[in-house]
Amino acid sequence: MKFGLLVSEGPYTHQASDSAYQFAAAAIRRGHQVQRVFFYHDGVYNASRYTEPPQDDRHIVNRWSALNAEHGVDLVVCVAAALRRGIKDELLAPGFRIAGLGQLVDSGIKADRLVTFGD
């Protein structure tokens, strides 16, 4: 099964990003495909290369980057939401890219299921 994910909450303010990551990792382990994760609203903060959690905390941004590097998951950050929050291309962590809402629509069309995490 092909999944598309929509994450609309920041990495350390709500459970949504953790849940989305855990869902994606579990789906891949079970042989499913996660074709794209679209970060929208405050979810764009998941892409910031300047995120530095305490040493004893999980590094959610690095987890997403690793998912891209190891499994080719497309990590798309909404351009309008990113610019409103001061996030530009040069601030993105490895594996993330900025694009428009068309990529979310495309994911909804191509995936068997589009699963949302956050408000």
PDB file of N, CA and C in Angstrom:
ATOM      1  N   MET A   1       0.836  -1.171   0.000  1.00  0.00           N
ATOM      2  CA  MET A   1       0.000   0.000   0.000  1.00  0.00           C
ATOM      3  C   MET A   1       0.886   1.241   0.000  1.00  0.00           C
ATOM      4  N   LYS A   2       0.452   2.258  -0.727  1.00  0.00           N
ATOM      5  CA  LYS A   2       1.167   3.538  -0.780  1.00  0.00           C
ATOM      6  C   LYS A   2       0.500   4.532   0.148  1.00  0.00           C
ATOM      7  N   PHE A   3       1.316   5.167   0.980  1.00  0.00           N
ATOM      8  CA  PHE A   3       0.814   6.178   1.907  1.00  0.00           C
ATOM      9  C   PHE A   3       1.388   7.542   1.578  1.00  0.00           C
ATOM     10  N   GLY A   4       0.573   8.548   1.770  1.00  0.00           N
ATOM     11  CA  GLY A   4       1.004   9.934   1.801  1.00  0.00           C
ATOM     12  C   GLY A   4       0.674  10.437   3.190  1.00  0.00           C
ATOM     13  N   LEU A   5       1.546  11.255   3.760  1.00  0.00           N
ATOM     14  CA  LEU A   5       1.314  11.776   5.107  1.00  0.00           C
ATOM     15  C   LEU A   5       1.270  13.302   5.065  1.00  0.00           C
ATOM     16  N   LEU A   6       0.427  13.864   5.912  1.00  0.00           N
ATOM     17  CA  LEU A   6       0.340  15.311   6.092  1.00  0.00           C
ATOM     18  C   LEU A   6       0.614  15.605   7.557  1.00  0.00           C
ATOM     19  N   VAL A   7       1.647  16.405   7.826  1.00  0.00           N
ATOM     20  CA  VAL A   7       2.017  16.763   9.195  1.00  0.00           C
ATOM     21  C   VAL A   7       1.821  18.274   9.348  1.00  0.00           C
ATOM     22  N   SER A   8       0.960  18.666  10.292  1.00  0.00           N
ATOM     23  CA  SER A   8       0.659  20.099  10.431  1.00  0.00           C
ATOM     24  C   SER A   8       0.980  20.660  11.819  1.00  0.00           C
ATOM     25  N   GLU A   9       1.804  19.968  12.582  1.00  0.00           N
ATOM     26  CA  GLU A   9       2.223  20.451  13.902  1.00  0.00           C
ATOM     27  C   GLU A   9       3.745  20.416  14.001  1.00  0.00           C
ATOM     28  N   GLY A  10       4.288  21.293  14.822  1.00  0.00           N
ATOM     29  CA  GLY A  10       5.729  21.363  15.017  1.00  0.00           C
ATOM     30  C   GLY A  10       6.272  20.124  15.704  1.00  0.00           C
ATOM     31  N   PRO A  11       7.584  19.952  15.665  1.00  0.00           N
ATOM     32  CA  PRO A  11       8.187  18.716  16.180  1.00  0.00           C
ATOM     33  C   PRO A  11       8.166  18.558  17.690  1.00  0.00           C
ATOM     34  N   TYR A  12       8.105  19.630  18.437  1.00  0.00           N
ATOM     35  CA  TYR A  12       8.187  19.490  19.887  1.00  0.00           C
ATOM     36  C   TYR A  12       7.011  20.123  20.626  1.00  0.00           C
ATOM     37  N   THR A  13       5.978  20.525  19.909  1.00  0.00           N
ATOM     38  CA  THR A  13       4.825  21.146  20.552  1.00  0.00           C
ATOM     39  C   THR A  13       3.651  20.199  20.717  1.00  0.00           C
ATOM     40  N   HIS A  14       3.575  19.191  19.871  1.00  0.00           N
ATOM     41  CA  HIS A  14       2.477  18.223  19.891  1.00  0.00           C
ATOM     42  C   HIS A  14       3.029  16.838  19.562  1.00  0.00           C
ATOM     43  N   GLN A  15       2.216  15.839  19.726  1.00  0.00           N
ATOM     44  CA  GLN A  15       2.597  14.461  19.437  1.00  0.00           C
ATOM     45  C   GLN A  15       2.540  14.143  17.942  1.00  0.00           C
ATOM     46  N   ALA A  16       1.946  15.019  17.149  1.00  0.00           N
ATOM     47  CA  ALA A  16       1.669  14.725  15.743  1.00  0.00           C
ATOM     48  C   ALA A  16       2.910  14.310  14.948  1.00  0.00           C
ATOM     49  N   SER A  17       3.998  15.026  15.091  1.00  0.00           N
ATOM     50  CA  SER A  17       5.198  14.707  14.319  1.00  0.00           C
ATOM     51  C   SER A  17       5.789  13.363  14.729  1.00  0.00           C
ATOM     52  N   ASP A  18       5.867  13.120  16.035  1.00  0.00           N
ATOM     53  CA  ASP A  18       6.342  11.817  16.508  1.00  0.00           C
ATOM     54  C   ASP A  18       5.464  10.689  15.985  1.00  0.00           C
ATOM     55  N   SER A  19       4.164  10.882  16.069  1.00  0.00           N
ATOM     56  CA  SER A  19       3.226   9.854  15.597  1.00  0.00           C
ATOM     57  C   SER A  19       3.374   9.616  14.105  1.00  0.00           C
ATOM     58  N   ALA A  20       3.533  10.690  13.343  1.00  0.00           N
ATOM     59  CA  ALA A  20       3.700  10.556  11.891  1.00  0.00           C
ATOM     60  C   ALA A  20       4.977   9.790  11.564  1.00  0.00           C
ATOM     61  N   TYR A  21       6.056  10.143  12.252  1.00  0.00           N
ATOM     62  CA  TYR A  21       7.315   9.439  12.015  1.00  0.00           C
ATOM     63  C   TYR A  21       7.193   7.959  12.367  1.00  0.00           C
ATOM     64  N   GLN A  22       6.629   7.665  13.529  1.00  0.00           N
ATOM     65  CA  GLN A  22       6.470   6.273  13.955  1.00  0.00           C
ATOM     66  C   GLN A  22       5.590   5.497  12.969  1.00  0.00           C
ATOM     67  N   PHE A  23       4.530   6.137  12.481  1.00  0.00           N
ATOM     68  CA  PHE A  23       3.654   5.510  11.491  1.00  0.00           C
ATOM     69  C   PHE A  23       4.442   5.202  10.222  1.00  0.00           C
ATOM     70  N   ALA A  24       5.198   6.180   9.740  1.00  0.00           N
ATOM     71  CA  ALA A  24       5.966   5.998   8.504  1.00  0.00           C
ATOM     72  C   ALA A  24       6.982   4.872   8.655  1.00  0.00           C
ATOM     73  N   ALA A  25       7.726   4.883   9.758  1.00  0.00           N
ATOM     74  CA  ALA A  25       8.739   3.841   9.983  1.00  0.00           C
ATOM     75  C   ALA A  25       8.104   2.456  10.072  1.00  0.00           C
ATOM     76  N   ALA A  26       6.971   2.358  10.764  1.00  0.00           N
ATOM     77  CA  ALA A  26       6.284   1.067  10.892  1.00  0.00           C
ATOM     78  C   ALA A  26       5.744   0.589   9.544  1.00  0.00           C
ATOM     79  N   ALA A  27       5.193   1.505   8.763  1.00  0.00           N
ATOM     80  CA  ALA A  27       4.662   1.146   7.441  1.00  0.00           C
ATOM     81  C   ALA A  27       5.778   0.610   6.548  1.00  0.00           C
ATOM     82  N   ILE A  28       6.916   1.271   6.559  1.00  0.00           N
ATOM     83  CA  ILE A  28       8.048   0.829   5.734  1.00  0.00           C
ATOM     84  C   ILE A  28       8.544  -0.534   6.203  1.00  0.00           C
ATOM     85  N   ARG A  29       8.644  -0.731   7.506  1.00  0.00           N
ATOM     86  CA  ARG A  29       9.068  -2.046   8.029  1.00  0.00           C
ATOM     87  C   ARG A  29       8.133  -3.160   7.580  1.00  0.00           C
ATOM     88  N   ARG A  30       6.865  -2.847   7.414  1.00  0.00           N
ATOM     89  CA  ARG A  30       5.874  -3.856   7.001  1.00  0.00           C
ATOM     90  C   ARG A  30       5.785  -4.007   5.485  1.00  0.00           C
ATOM     91  N   GLY A  31       6.640  -3.307   4.762  1.00  0.00           N
ATOM     92  CA  GLY A  31       6.687  -3.467   3.315  1.00  0.00           C
ATOM     93  C   GLY A  31       5.828  -2.497   2.529  1.00  0.00           C
ATOM     94  N   HIS A  32       5.246  -1.524   3.195  1.00  0.00           N
ATOM     95  CA  HIS A  32       4.463  -0.504   2.503  1.00  0.00           C
ATOM     96  C   HIS A  32       5.378   0.609   2.022  1.00  0.00           C
ATOM     97  N   GLN A  33       4.838   1.463   1.173  1.00  0.00           N
ATOM     98  CA  GLN A  33       5.606   2.592   0.657  1.00  0.00           C
ATOM     99  C   GLN A  33       5.044   3.893   1.230  1.00  0.00           C
ATOM    100  N   VAL A  34       5.920   4.737   1.736  1.00  0.00           N
ATOM    101  CA  VAL A  34       5.537   6.092   2.125  1.00  0.00           C
ATOM    102  C   VAL A  34       6.140   6.981   1.049  1.00  0.00           C
ATOM    103  N   GLN A  35       5.295   7.423   0.138  1.00  0.00           N
ATOM    104  CA  GLN A  35       5.795   8.150  -1.018  1.00  0.00           C
ATOM    105  C   GLN A  35       6.135   9.595  -0.706  1.00  0.00           C
ATOM    106  N   ARG A  36       5.379  10.216   0.201  1.00  0.00           N
ATOM    107  CA  ARG A  36       5.636  11.631   0.494  1.00  0.00           C
ATOM    108  C   ARG A  36       5.104  11.990   1.866  1.00  0.00           C
ATOM    109  N   VAL A  37       5.847  12.885   2.530  1.00  0.00           N
ATOM    110  CA  VAL A  37       5.365  13.513   3.751  1.00  0.00           C
ATOM    111  C   VAL A  37       5.308  15.005   3.446  1.00  0.00           C
ATOM    112  N   PHE A  38       4.126  15.584   3.598  1.00  0.00           N
ATOM    113  CA  PHE A  38       3.923  17.008   3.315  1.00  0.00           C
ATOM    114  C   PHE A  38       3.791  17.732   4.644  1.00  0.00           C
ATOM    115  N   PHE A  39       4.645  18.719   4.861  1.00  0.00           N
ATOM    116  CA  PHE A  39       4.659  19.486   6.106  1.00  0.00           C
ATOM    117  C   PHE A  39       3.959  20.816   5.861  1.00  0.00           C
ATOM    118  N   TYR A  40       2.911  21.065   6.657  1.00  0.00           N
ATOM    119  CA  TYR A  40       2.033  22.210   6.438  1.00  0.00           C
ATOM    120  C   TYR A  40       1.826  22.950   7.756  1.00  0.00           C
ATOM    121  N   HIS A  41       1.408  24.187   7.706  1.00  0.00           N
ATOM    122  CA  HIS A  41       1.218  25.026   8.900  1.00  0.00           C
ATOM    123  C   HIS A  41       2.485  24.950   9.768  1.00  0.00           C
ATOM    124  N   ASP A  42       2.350  24.766  11.086  1.00  0.00           N
ATOM    125  CA  ASP A  42       3.529  24.700  11.956  1.00  0.00           C
ATOM    126  C   ASP A  42       4.358  23.438  11.727  1.00  0.00           C
ATOM    127  N   GLY A  43       3.850  22.515  10.957  1.00  0.00           N
ATOM    128  CA  GLY A  43       4.614  21.318  10.613  1.00  0.00           C
ATOM    129  C   GLY A  43       5.893  21.629   9.858  1.00  0.00           C
ATOM    130  N   VAL A  44       5.964  22.815   9.251  1.00  0.00           N
ATOM    131  CA  VAL A  44       7.182  23.183   8.515  1.00  0.00           C
ATOM    132  C   VAL A  44       8.399  23.273   9.432  1.00  0.00           C
ATOM    133  N   TYR A  45       8.181  23.465  10.738  1.00  0.00           N
ATOM    134  CA  TYR A  45       9.303  23.522  11.680  1.00  0.00           C
ATOM    135  C   TYR A  45      10.026  22.179  11.792  1.00  0.00           C
ATOM    136  N   ASN A  46       9.422  21.108  11.317  1.00  0.00           N
ATOM    137  CA  ASN A  46      10.079  19.800  11.291  1.00  0.00           C
ATOM    138  C   ASN A  46      11.270  19.794  10.339  1.00  0.00           C
ATOM    139  N   ALA A  47      11.366  20.781   9.476  1.00  0.00           N
ATOM    140  CA  ALA A  47      12.403  20.814   8.450  1.00  0.00           C
ATOM    141  C   ALA A  47      13.588  21.708   8.790  1.00  0.00           C
ATOM    142  N   SER A  48      13.585  22.353   9.927  1.00  0.00           N
ATOM    143  CA  SER A  48      14.627  23.327  10.246  1.00  0.00           C
ATOM    144  C   SER A  48      15.955  22.654  10.603  1.00  0.00           C
ATOM    145  N   ARG A  49      16.991  23.014   9.884  1.00  0.00           N
ATOM    146  CA  ARG A  49      18.322  22.472  10.148  1.00  0.00           C
ATOM    147  C   ARG A  49      18.895  22.983  11.458  1.00  0.00           C
ATOM    148  N   TYR A  50      18.301  24.018  12.031  1.00  0.00           N
ATOM    149  CA  TYR A  50      18.816  24.610  13.269  1.00  0.00           C
ATOM    150  C   TYR A  50      18.160  24.061  14.531  1.00  0.00           C
ATOM    151  N   THR A  51      17.363  23.039  14.404  1.00  0.00           N
ATOM    152  CA  THR A  51      16.754  22.414  15.576  1.00  0.00           C
ATOM    153  C   THR A  51      17.824  21.680  16.369  1.00  0.00           C
ATOM    154  N   GLU A  52      17.919  21.980  17.666  1.00  0.00           N
ATOM    155  CA  GLU A  52      18.894  21.324  18.532  1.00  0.00           C
ATOM    156  C   GLU A  52      18.244  20.956  19.861  1.00  0.00           C
ATOM    157  N   PRO A  53      17.642  19.769  19.932  1.00  0.00           N
ATOM    158  CA  PRO A  53      17.053  19.335  21.195  1.00  0.00           C
ATOM    159  C   PRO A  53      18.144  18.968  22.204  1.00  0.00           C
ATOM    160  N   PRO A  54      17.807  18.881  23.482  1.00  0.00           N
ATOM    161  CA  PRO A  54      18.783  18.429  24.480  1.00  0.00           C
ATOM    162  C   PRO A  54      19.313  17.040  24.116  1.00  0.00           C
ATOM    163  N   GLN A  55      20.505  16.723  24.589  1.00  0.00           N
ATOM    164  CA  GLN A  55      21.149  15.450  24.234  1.00  0.00           C
ATOM    165  C   GLN A  55      20.334  14.227  24.615  1.00  0.00           C
ATOM    166  N   ASP A  56      19.536  14.326  25.671  1.00  0.00           N
ATOM    167  CA  ASP A  56      18.767  13.161  26.109  1.00  0.00           C
ATOM    168  C   ASP A  56      17.381  13.093  25.475  1.00  0.00           C
ATOM    169  N   ASP A  57      17.115  13.945  24.500  1.00  0.00           N
ATOM    170  CA  ASP A  57      15.813  13.969  23.828  1.00  0.00           C
ATOM    171  C   ASP A  57      15.969  13.461  22.400  1.00  0.00           C
ATOM    172  N   ARG A  58      14.877  13.028  21.803  1.00  0.00           N
ATOM    173  CA  ARG A  58      14.926  12.553  20.419  1.00  0.00           C
ATOM    174  C   ARG A  58      15.085  13.748  19.486  1.00  0.00           C
ATOM    175  N   HIS A  59      15.760  13.516  18.363  1.00  0.00           N
ATOM    176  CA  HIS A  59      15.989  14.567  17.360  1.00  0.00           C
ATOM    177  C   HIS A  59      15.078  14.280  16.179  1.00  0.00           C
ATOM    178  N   ILE A  60      13.892  14.835  16.214  1.00  0.00           N
ATOM    179  CA  ILE A  60      12.869  14.514  15.227  1.00  0.00           C
ATOM    180  C   ILE A  60      13.287  14.908  13.817  1.00  0.00           C
ATOM    181  N   VAL A  61      13.911  16.062  13.668  1.00  0.00           N
ATOM    182  CA  VAL A  61      14.333  16.518  12.335  1.00  0.00           C
ATOM    183  C   VAL A  61      15.316  15.512  11.736  1.00  0.00           C
ATOM    184  N   ASN A  62      16.282  15.066  12.518  1.00  0.00           N
ATOM    185  CA  ASN A  62      17.240  14.067  12.016  1.00  0.00           C
ATOM    186  C   ASN A  62      16.561  12.752  11.661  1.00  0.00           C
ATOM    187  N   ARG A  63      15.524  12.387  12.405  1.00  0.00           N
ATOM    188  CA  ARG A  63      14.784  11.163  12.083  1.00  0.00           C
ATOM    189  C   ARG A  63      14.156  11.275  10.697  1.00  0.00           C
ATOM    190  N   TRP A  64      13.542  12.417  10.420  1.00  0.00           N
ATOM    191  CA  TRP A  64      12.934  12.610   9.100  1.00  0.00           C
ATOM    192  C   TRP A  64      14.005  12.568   8.003  1.00  0.00           C
ATOM    193  N   SER A  65      15.131  13.252   8.237  1.00  0.00           N
ATOM    194  CA  SER A  65      16.212  13.251   7.244  1.00  0.00           C
ATOM    195  C   SER A  65      16.715  11.838   6.981  1.00  0.00           C
ATOM    196  N   ALA A  66      16.830  11.033   8.038  1.00  0.00           N
ATOM    197  CA  ALA A  66      17.283   9.648   7.878  1.00  0.00           C
ATOM    198  C   ALA A  66      16.271   8.826   7.079  1.00  0.00           C
ATOM    199  N   LEU A  67      14.992   9.077   7.292  1.00  0.00           N
ATOM    200  CA  LEU A  67      13.953   8.358   6.543  1.00  0.00           C
ATOM    201  C   LEU A  67      14.076   8.654   5.053  1.00  0.00           C
ATOM    202  N   ASN A  68      14.399   9.892   4.737  1.00  0.00           N
ATOM    203  CA  ASN A  68      14.617  10.267   3.342  1.00  0.00           C
ATOM    204  C   ASN A  68      15.861   9.576   2.789  1.00  0.00           C
ATOM    205  N   ALA A  69      16.955   9.625   3.529  1.00  0.00           N
ATOM    206  CA  ALA A  69      18.216   9.058   3.053  1.00  0.00           C
ATOM    207  C   ALA A  69      18.144   7.539   2.889  1.00  0.00           C
ATOM    208  N   GLU A  70      17.494   6.868   3.826  1.00  0.00           N
ATOM    209  CA  GLU A  70      17.468   5.411   3.815  1.00  0.00           C
ATOM    210  C   GLU A  70      16.382   4.816   2.926  1.00  0.00           C
ATOM    211  N   HIS A  71      15.252   5.529   2.786  1.00  0.00           N
ATOM    212  CA  HIS A  71      14.112   4.937   2.080  1.00  0.00           C
ATOM    213  C   HIS A  71      13.576   5.808   0.943  1.00  0.00           C
ATOM    214  N   GLY A  72      14.187   6.944   0.691  1.00  0.00           N
ATOM    215  CA  GLY A  72      13.770   7.802  -0.406  1.00  0.00           C
ATOM    216  C   GLY A  72      12.425   8.478  -0.214  1.00  0.00           C
ATOM    217  N   VAL A  73      11.987   8.618   1.027  1.00  0.00           N
ATOM    218  CA  VAL A  73      10.704   9.284   1.292  1.00  0.00           C
ATOM    219  C   VAL A  73      10.842  10.759   0.933  1.00  0.00           C
ATOM    220  N   ASP A  74       9.933  11.245   0.114  1.00  0.00           N
ATOM    221  CA  ASP A  74       9.928  12.639  -0.327  1.00  0.00           C
ATOM    222  C   ASP A  74       9.411  13.514   0.818  1.00  0.00           C
ATOM    223  N   LEU A  75      10.238  14.437   1.303  1.00  0.00           N
ATOM    224  CA  LEU A  75       9.876  15.319   2.406  1.00  0.00           C
ATOM    225  C   LEU A  75       9.634  16.718   1.848  1.00  0.00           C
ATOM    226  N   VAL A  76       8.366  17.106   1.761  1.00  0.00           N
ATOM    227  CA  VAL A  76       7.990  18.363   1.117  1.00  0.00           C
ATOM    228  C   VAL A  76       7.460  19.353   2.140  1.00  0.00           C
ATOM    229  N   VAL A  77       7.997  20.559   2.094  1.00  0.00           N
ATOM    230  CA  VAL A  77       7.603  21.642   2.988  1.00  0.00           C
ATOM    231  C   VAL A  77       6.787  22.651   2.179  1.00  0.00           C
ATOM    232  N   CYS A  78       5.603  22.994   2.675  1.00  0.00           N
ATOM    233  CA  CYS A  78       4.737  23.946   1.982  1.00  0.00           C
ATOM    234  C   CYS A  78       5.425  25.307   1.900  1.00  0.00           C
ATOM    235  N   VAL A  79       5.542  25.834   0.697  1.00  0.00           N
ATOM    236  CA  VAL A  79       6.255  27.087   0.487  1.00  0.00           C
ATOM    237  C   VAL A  79       5.582  28.255   1.210  1.00  0.00           C
ATOM    238  N   ALA A  80       4.274  28.378   1.132  1.00  0.00           N
ATOM    239  CA  ALA A  80       3.581  29.504   1.762  1.00  0.00           C
ATOM    240  C   ALA A  80       3.701  29.440   3.286  1.00  0.00           C
ATOM    241  N   ALA A  81       3.489  28.269   3.848  1.00  0.00           N
ATOM    242  CA  ALA A  81       3.596  28.104   5.297  1.00  0.00           C
ATOM    243  C   ALA A  81       5.029  28.342   5.768  1.00  0.00           C
ATOM    244  N   ALA A  82       6.004  27.893   4.985  1.00  0.00           N
ATOM    245  CA  ALA A  82       7.407  28.071   5.357  1.00  0.00           C
ATOM    246  C   ALA A  82       7.799  29.542   5.339  1.00  0.00           C
ATOM    247  N   LEU A  83       7.450  30.235   4.279  1.00  0.00           N
ATOM    248  CA  LEU A  83       7.825  31.647   4.177  1.00  0.00           C
ATOM    249  C   LEU A  83       7.168  32.476   5.269  1.00  0.00           C
ATOM    250  N   ARG A  84       5.933  32.158   5.624  1.00  0.00           N
ATOM    251  CA  ARG A  84       5.266  32.881   6.715  1.00  0.00           C
ATOM    252  C   ARG A  84       6.008  32.720   8.038  1.00  0.00           C
ATOM    253  N   ARG A  85       6.746  31.623   8.167  1.00  0.00           N
ATOM    254  CA  ARG A  85       7.454  31.323   9.416  1.00  0.00           C
ATOM    255  C   ARG A  85       8.959  31.550   9.298  1.00  0.00           C
ATOM    256  N   GLY A  86       9.384  32.192   8.224  1.00  0.00           N
ATOM    257  CA  GLY A  86      10.792  32.538   8.051  1.00  0.00           C
ATOM    258  C   GLY A  86      11.689  31.393   7.639  1.00  0.00           C
ATOM    259  N   ILE A  87      11.118  30.345   7.089  1.00  0.00           N
ATOM    260  CA  ILE A  87      11.913  29.186   6.667  1.00  0.00           C
ATOM    261  C   ILE A  87      12.101  29.230   5.151  1.00  0.00           C
ATOM    262  N   LYS A  88      13.369  29.254   4.754  1.00  0.00           N
ATOM    263  CA  LYS A  88      13.727  29.292   3.337  1.00  0.00           C
ATOM    264  C   LYS A  88      14.607  28.094   3.017  1.00  0.00           C
ATOM    265  N   ASP A  89      14.884  27.894   1.739  1.00  0.00           N
ATOM    266  CA  ASP A  89      15.666  26.729   1.284  1.00  0.00           C
ATOM    267  C   ASP A  89      16.947  26.514   2.081  1.00  0.00           C
ATOM    268  N   GLU A  90      17.685  27.592   2.331  1.00  0.00           N
ATOM    269  CA  GLU A  90      18.979  27.452   2.988  1.00  0.00           C
ATOM    270  C   GLU A  90      18.860  27.033   4.461  1.00  0.00           C
ATOM    271  N   LEU A  91      17.662  27.074   5.016  1.00  0.00           N
ATOM    272  CA  LEU A  91      17.444  26.686   6.409  1.00  0.00           C
ATOM    273  C   LEU A  91      16.947  25.250   6.561  1.00  0.00           C
ATOM    274  N   LEU A  92      16.740  24.567   5.435  1.00  0.00           N
ATOM    275  CA  LEU A  92      16.190  23.214   5.490  1.00  0.00           C
ATOM    276  C   LEU A  92      17.244  22.182   5.849  1.00  0.00           C
ATOM    277  N   ALA A  93      16.832  21.219   6.643  1.00  0.00           N
ATOM    278  CA  ALA A  93      17.679  20.072   6.973  1.00  0.00           C
ATOM    279  C   ALA A  93      17.828  19.192   5.725  1.00  0.00           C
ATOM    280  N   PRO A  94      18.831  18.338   5.700  1.00  0.00           N
ATOM    281  CA  PRO A  94      19.022  17.443   4.543  1.00  0.00           C
ATOM    282  C   PRO A  94      17.777  16.593   4.269  1.00  0.00           C
ATOM    283  N   GLY A  95      17.459  16.466   2.968  1.00  0.00           N
ATOM    284  CA  GLY A  95      16.347  15.616   2.544  1.00  0.00           C
ATOM    285  C   GLY A  95      15.034  16.341   2.364  1.00  0.00           C
ATOM    286  N   PHE A  96      14.923  17.560   2.882  1.00  0.00           N
ATOM    287  CA  PHE A  96      13.684  18.328   2.747  1.00  0.00           C
ATOM    288  C   PHE A  96      13.763  19.226   1.521  1.00  0.00           C
ATOM    289  N   ARG A  97      12.598  19.517   0.959  1.00  0.00           N
ATOM    290  CA  ARG A  97      12.524  20.469  -0.152  1.00  0.00           C
ATOM    291  C   ARG A  97      11.249  21.293  -0.017  1.00  0.00           C
ATOM    292  N   ILE A  98      11.258  22.469  -0.587  1.00  0.00           N
ATOM    293  CA  ILE A  98      10.104  23.361  -0.534  1.00  0.00           C
ATOM    294  C   ILE A  98       9.333  23.244  -1.849  1.00  0.00           C
ATOM    295  N   ALA A  99       8.011  23.165  -1.755  1.00  0.00           N
ATOM    296  CA  ALA A  99       7.151  23.107  -2.933  1.00  0.00           C
ATOM    297  C   ALA A  99       5.764  23.610  -2.544  1.00  0.00           C
ATOM    298  N   GLY A 100       4.879  23.663  -3.519  1.00  0.00           N
ATOM    299  CA  GLY A 100       3.538  24.177  -3.281  1.00  0.00           C
ATOM    300  C   GLY A 100       2.528  23.105  -2.912  1.00  0.00           C
ATOM    301  N   LEU A 101       1.307  23.565  -2.676  1.00  0.00           N
ATOM    302  CA  LEU A 101       0.211  22.670  -2.289  1.00  0.00           C
ATOM    303  C   LEU A 101      -0.117  21.632  -3.356  1.00  0.00           C
ATOM    304  N   GLY A 102       0.302  21.880  -4.573  1.00  0.00           N
ATOM    305  CA  GLY A 102       0.089  20.899  -5.640  1.00  0.00           C
ATOM    306  C   GLY A 102       0.705  19.548  -5.299  1.00  0.00           C
ATOM    307  N   GLN A 103       1.801  19.570  -4.530  1.00  0.00           N
ATOM    308  CA  GLN A 103       2.443  18.319  -4.130  1.00  0.00           C
ATOM    309  C   GLN A 103       1.580  17.540  -3.140  1.00  0.00           C
ATOM    310  N   LEU A 104       0.812  18.259  -2.320  1.00  0.00           N
ATOM    311  CA  LEU A 104      -0.124  17.590  -1.411  1.00  0.00           C
ATOM    312  C   LEU A 104      -1.263  16.960  -2.205  1.00  0.00           C
ATOM    313  N   VAL A 105      -1.781  17.687  -3.176  1.00  0.00           N
ATOM    314  CA  VAL A 105      -2.851  17.157  -4.027  1.00  0.00           C
ATOM    315  C   VAL A 105      -2.351  15.939  -4.791  1.00  0.00           C
ATOM    316  N   ASP A 106      -1.143  16.040  -5.336  1.00  0.00           N
ATOM    317  CA  ASP A 106      -0.544  14.924  -6.069  1.00  0.00           C
ATOM    318  C   ASP A 106      -0.398  13.695  -5.169  1.00  0.00           C
ATOM    319  N   SER A 107       0.003  13.918  -3.951  1.00  0.00           N
ATOM    320  CA  SER A 107       0.146  12.809  -3.003  1.00  0.00           C
ATOM    321  C   SER A 107      -1.202  12.154  -2.731  1.00  0.00           C
ATOM    322  N   GLY A 108      -2.244  12.974  -2.576  1.00  0.00           N
ATOM    323  CA  GLY A 108      -3.587  12.445  -2.348  1.00  0.00           C
ATOM    324  C   GLY A 108      -4.094  11.623  -3.518  1.00  0.00           C
ATOM    325  N   ILE A 109      -3.699  12.005  -4.713  1.00  0.00           N
ATOM    326  CA  ILE A 109      -4.124  11.283  -5.919  1.00  0.00           C
ATOM    327  C   ILE A 109      -3.358   9.966  -6.066  1.00  0.00           C
ATOM    328  N   LYS A 110      -2.053  10.003  -5.861  1.00  0.00           N
ATOM    329  CA  LYS A 110      -1.203   8.838  -6.119  1.00  0.00           C
ATOM    330  C   LYS A 110      -1.174   7.815  -4.981  1.00  0.00           C
ATOM    331  N   ALA A 111      -1.439   8.262  -3.765  1.00  0.00           N
ATOM    332  CA  ALA A 111      -1.390   7.345  -2.620  1.00  0.00           C
ATOM    333  C   ALA A 111      -2.710   6.592  -2.483  1.00  0.00           C
ATOM    334  N   ASP A 112      -2.620   5.401  -1.902  1.00  0.00           N
ATOM    335  CA  ASP A 112      -3.843   4.668  -1.576  1.00  0.00           C
ATOM    336  C   ASP A 112      -4.548   5.306  -0.382  1.00  0.00           C
ATOM    337  N   ARG A 113      -3.755   5.884   0.521  1.00  0.00           N
ATOM    338  CA  ARG A 113      -4.293   6.543   1.711  1.00  0.00           C
ATOM    339  C   ARG A 113      -3.464   7.787   1.998  1.00  0.00           C
ATOM    340  N   LEU A 114      -4.139   8.878   2.337  1.00  0.00           N
ATOM    341  CA  LEU A 114      -3.493  10.087   2.811  1.00  0.00           C
ATOM    342  C   LEU A 114      -3.852  10.225   4.281  1.00  0.00           C
ATOM    343  N   VAL A 115      -2.853  10.133   5.142  1.00  0.00           N
ATOM    344  CA  VAL A 115      -3.075  10.135   6.587  1.00  0.00           C
ATOM    345  C   VAL A 115      -2.591  11.470   7.155  1.00  0.00           C
ATOM    346  N   THR A 116      -3.431  12.130   7.946  1.00  0.00           N
ATOM    347  CA  THR A 116      -3.077  13.426   8.501  1.00  0.00           C
ATOM    348  C   THR A 116      -2.720  13.311   9.985  1.00  0.00           C
ATOM    349  N   PHE A 117      -1.754  14.106  10.392  1.00  0.00           N
ATOM    350  CA  PHE A 117      -1.295  14.169  11.771  1.00  0.00           C
ATOM    351  C   PHE A 117      -1.285  15.625  12.202  1.00  0.00           C
ATOM    352  N   GLY A 118      -2.090  15.971  13.185  1.00  0.00           N
ATOM    353  CA  GLY A 118      -2.199  17.341  13.660  1.00  0.00           C
ATOM    354  C   GLY A 118      -3.529  17.940  13.293  1.00  0.00           C
ATOM    355  N   ASP A 119      -3.725  19.179  13.701  1.00  0.00           N
ATOM    356  CA  ASP A 119      -5.003  19.874  13.454  1.00  0.00           C
ATOM    357  C   ASP A 119      -5.257  20.133  12.001  1.00  0.00           C
TER     358      ASP A 119
END
